[in-house]
C-alpha atoms as a PDB file:
ATOM      1  CA  MET A   1       1.091 -35.503  13.579  1.00  0.00           C
ATOM      2  CA  THR A   2      -1.600 -33.585  15.449  1.00  0.00           C
ATOM      3  CA  GLU A   3       1.078 -31.262  16.840  1.00  0.00           C
ATOM      4  CA  GLY A   4       1.656 -29.877  13.317  1.00  0.00           C
ATOM      5  CA  ILE A   5      -2.039 -29.184  12.950  1.00  0.00           C
ATOM      6  CA  THR A   6      -2.318 -27.532  16.372  1.00  0.00           C
ATOM      7  CA  TRP A   7       0.096 -24.673  15.660  1.00  0.00           C
ATOM      8  CA  GLN A   8      -1.334 -24.222  12.159  1.00  0.00           C
ATOM      9  CA  GLN A   9      -4.920 -23.766  13.319  1.00  0.00           C
ATOM     10  CA  PRO A  10      -4.568 -20.103  14.366  1.00  0.00           C
ATOM     11  CA  ILE A  11      -2.866 -19.262  11.066  1.00  0.00           C
ATOM     12  CA  LEU A  12      -5.591 -21.026   9.074  1.00  0.00           C
ATOM     13  CA  TRP A  13      -8.297 -19.288  11.098  1.00  0.00           C
ATOM     14  CA  LEU A  14      -6.613 -15.903  10.640  1.00  0.00           C
ATOM     15  CA  ALA A  15      -6.245 -16.425   6.885  1.00  0.00           C
ATOM     16  CA  GLU A  16      -9.904 -17.450   6.569  1.00  0.00           C
ATOM     17  CA  THR A  17     -10.931 -14.400   8.582  1.00  0.00           C
ATOM     18  CA  MET A  18      -8.781 -12.012   6.536  1.00  0.00           C
ATOM     19  CA  ARG A  19      -9.453 -13.309   3.004  1.00  0.00           C
ATOM     20  CA  PRO A  20     -12.940 -11.762   2.675  1.00  0.00           C
ATOM     21  CA  HIS A  21     -11.258  -8.383   3.319  1.00  0.00           C
ATOM     22  CA  ASN A  22      -8.459  -8.954   0.802  1.00  0.00           C
ATOM     23  CA  ARG A  23      -9.337  -6.013  -1.451  1.00  0.00           C
ATOM     24  CA  GLU A  24      -9.555  -3.610   1.488  1.00  0.00           C
ATOM     25  CA  ILE A  25      -6.195  -4.857   2.778  1.00  0.00           C
ATOM     26  CA  ALA A  26      -4.659  -4.199  -0.648  1.00  0.00           C
ATOM     27  CA  VAL A  27      -6.151  -0.679  -0.741  1.00  0.00           C
ATOM     28  CA  ALA A  28      -4.807  -0.018   2.771  1.00  0.00           C
ATOM     29  CA  MET A  29      -1.310  -1.065   1.731  1.00  0.00           C
ATOM     30  CA  ILE A  30      -1.324   1.123  -1.373  1.00  0.00           C
ATOM     31  CA  ALA A  31      -2.915   4.112   0.349  1.00  0.00           C
ATOM     32  CA  THR A  32      -0.408   3.947   3.181  1.00  0.00           C
ATOM     33  CA  LEU A  33       2.497   3.872   0.743  1.00  0.00           C
ATOM     34  CA  LEU A  34       1.020   6.856  -1.099  1.00  0.00           C
ATOM     35  CA  VAL A  35       0.774   8.773   2.167  1.00  0.00           C
ATOM     36  CA  ILE A  36       4.381   7.937   3.020  1.00  0.00           C
ATOM     37  CA  PHE A  37       5.775   8.789  -0.420  1.00  0.00           C
ATOM     38  CA  GLY A  38       3.260  11.519  -1.337  1.00  0.00           C
ATOM     39  CA  GLY A  39       5.603  14.273  -0.218  1.00  0.00           C
ATOM     40  CA  VAL A  40       8.401  12.910  -2.390  1.00  0.00           C
ATOM     41  CA  ILE A  41       6.063  12.591  -5.387  1.00  0.00           C
ATOM     42  CA  ASN A  42       4.663  16.082  -4.852  1.00  0.00           C
ATOM     43  CA  GLY A  43       8.197  17.458  -4.507  1.00  0.00           C
ATOM     44  CA  ALA A  44       9.243  15.834  -7.774  1.00  0.00           C
ATOM     45  CA  LEU A  45       6.237  17.362  -9.522  1.00  0.00           C
ATOM     46  CA  ARG A  46       7.015  20.734  -7.946  1.00  0.00           C
ATOM     47  CA  GLN A  47      10.571  20.574  -9.294  1.00  0.00           C
ATOM     48  CA  LEU A  48       9.283  19.554 -12.710  1.00  0.00           C
ATOM     49  CA  VAL A  49       6.852  22.482 -13.063  1.00  0.00           C
ATOM     50  CA  ARG A  50       8.574  25.146 -10.955  1.00  0.00           C
ATOM     51  CA  LYS A  51       9.358  27.403 -13.925  1.00  0.00           C
ATOM     52  CA  GLN A  52       5.880  27.109 -15.419  1.00  0.00           C
ATOM     53  CA  PRO A  53       3.101  29.695 -15.007  1.00  0.00           C
ATOM     54  CA  MET A  54       1.067  29.601 -11.799  1.00  0.00           C
ATOM     55  CA  TRP A  55      -2.077  28.240 -13.463  1.00  0.00           C
ATOM     56  CA  LEU A  56      -0.080  25.304 -14.896  1.00  0.00           C
ATOM     57  CA  ARG A  57       1.568  24.517 -11.541  1.00  0.00           C
ATOM     58  CA  VAL A  58      -1.822  24.528  -9.793  1.00  0.00           C
ATOM     59  CA  GLY A  59      -3.350  22.434 -12.593  1.00  0.00           C
ATOM     60  CA  ALA A  60      -0.541  19.891 -12.403  1.00  0.00           C
ATOM     61  CA  PHE A  61      -0.922  19.561  -8.631  1.00  0.00           C
ATOM     62  CA  ILE A  62      -4.699  19.185  -8.863  1.00  0.00           C
ATOM     63  CA  SER A  63      -4.316  16.621 -11.648  1.00  0.00           C
ATOM     64  CA  LEU A  64      -1.779  14.630  -9.649  1.00  0.00           C
ATOM     65  CA  CYS A  65      -3.932  14.602  -6.525  1.00  0.00           C
ATOM     66  CA  ALA A  66      -7.297  14.090  -8.205  1.00  0.00           C
ATOM     67  CA  PHE A  67      -6.347  11.727 -10.992  1.00  0.00           C
ATOM     68  CA  GLY A  68      -2.808  10.473 -10.493  1.00  0.00           C
ATOM     69  CA  TYR A  69      -3.112   9.067  -6.987  1.00  0.00           C
ATOM     70  CA  GLY A  70      -6.610   7.728  -7.664  1.00  0.00           C
ATOM     71  CA  THR A  71      -5.583   6.053 -10.892  1.00  0.00           C
ATOM     72  CA  PHE A  72      -2.504   4.593  -9.242  1.00  0.00           C
ATOM     73  CA  THR A  73      -4.637   3.152  -6.441  1.00  0.00           C
ATOM     74  CA  VAL A  74      -7.287   1.760  -8.796  1.00  0.00           C
ATOM     75  CA  TRP A  75      -4.622   0.244 -11.046  1.00  0.00           C
ATOM     76  CA  LEU A  76      -2.490  -1.333  -8.312  1.00  0.00           C
ATOM     77  CA  THR A  77      -5.254  -2.633  -6.028  1.00  0.00           C
ATOM     78  CA  PRO A  78      -6.264  -5.619  -8.205  1.00  0.00           C
ATOM     79  CA  ILE A  79      -2.605  -6.500  -8.767  1.00  0.00           C
ATOM     80  CA  VAL A  80      -1.790  -6.556  -5.042  1.00  0.00           C
ATOM     81  CA  ALA A  81      -5.104  -8.240  -4.144  1.00  0.00           C
ATOM     82  CA  GLY A  82      -4.563 -10.902  -6.819  1.00  0.00           C
ATOM     83  CA  TYR A  83      -1.072 -11.611  -5.567  1.00  0.00           C
ATOM     84  CA  LEU A  84      -2.247 -11.927  -1.983  1.00  0.00           C
ATOM     85  CA  ILE A  85      -5.314 -14.065  -2.612  1.00  0.00           C
ATOM     86  CA  ASN A  86      -3.305 -16.693  -4.499  1.00  0.00           C
ATOM     87  CA  GLN A  87      -1.004 -17.351  -1.533  1.00  0.00           C
ATOM     88  CA  SER A  88      -1.289 -20.336   0.783  1.00  0.00           C
ATOM     89  CA  PRO A  89      -2.806 -19.485   4.192  1.00  0.00           C
ATOM     90  CA  GLY A  90       0.598 -19.243   5.884  1.00  0.00           C
ATOM     91  CA  MET A  91       2.115 -17.116   3.143  1.00  0.00           C
ATOM     92  CA  TYR A  92      -1.036 -14.971   2.976  1.00  0.00           C
ATOM     93  CA  VAL A  93      -0.882 -14.037   6.649  1.00  0.00           C
ATOM     94  CA  SER A  94       2.919 -13.678   6.577  1.00  0.00           C
ATOM     95  CA  SER A  95       2.834 -11.443   3.482  1.00  0.00           C
ATOM     96  CA  ILE A  96       0.282  -9.104   5.014  1.00  0.00           C
ATOM     97  CA  VAL A  97       1.909  -8.916   8.430  1.00  0.00           C
ATOM     98  CA  LEU A  98       5.408  -8.426   6.999  1.00  0.00           C
ATOM     99  CA  SER A  99       4.272  -5.839   4.464  1.00  0.00           C
ATOM    100  CA  PHE A 100       2.612  -3.748   7.166  1.00  0.00           C
ATOM    101  CA  ILE A 101       5.728  -4.059   9.332  1.00  0.00           C
ATOM    102  CA  VAL A 102       7.850  -2.851   6.391  1.00  0.00           C
ATOM    103  CA  VAL A 103       5.395  -0.003   5.734  1.00  0.00           C
ATOM    104  CA  GLY A 104       5.572   0.944   9.413  1.00  0.00           C
ATOM    105  CA  ILE A 105       9.362   0.981   9.316  1.00  0.00           C
ATOM    106  CA  LEU A 106       9.290   3.100   6.146  1.00  0.00           C
ATOM    107  CA  ALA A 107       6.866   5.530   7.757  1.00  0.00           C
ATOM    108  CA  GLU A 108       9.047   5.794  10.848  1.00  0.00           C
ATOM    109  CA  ASN A 109      12.192   6.397   8.779  1.00  0.00           C
ATOM    110  CA  PHE A 110      10.490   9.051   6.644  1.00  0.00           C
ATOM    111  CA  GLN A 111       9.161  10.749   9.767  1.00  0.00           C
ATOM    112  CA  ARG A 112      12.650  10.831  11.323  1.00  0.00           C
ATOM    113  CA  SER A 113      14.235  12.194   8.166  1.00  0.00           C
ATOM    114  CA  LYS A 114      12.039  15.298   8.249  1.00  0.00           C
END
């Protein structure tokens, strides 16, 4: 039975080491996704306001960047952090590692598509 504990020890240690930084990990995930999809979001806003006067287009862009992205981050961070913190140690580490792998793959695919 000690063999089961032996391979679990690094995962338990890693989870205990990462949990105090849970909120920062959640912010990193959200911020990275916003960086990846920011161009798509900005492009959608550009299409939405393209026929509007210049001052309205500039105002919409400033509002999106200053308030939209910030509000989105502030709103989603506790949701993601709450989901992560309630996971078992193995699921906690797996969720974080897999989510950053997925984010990396998304970033690579978006970079190639440009």
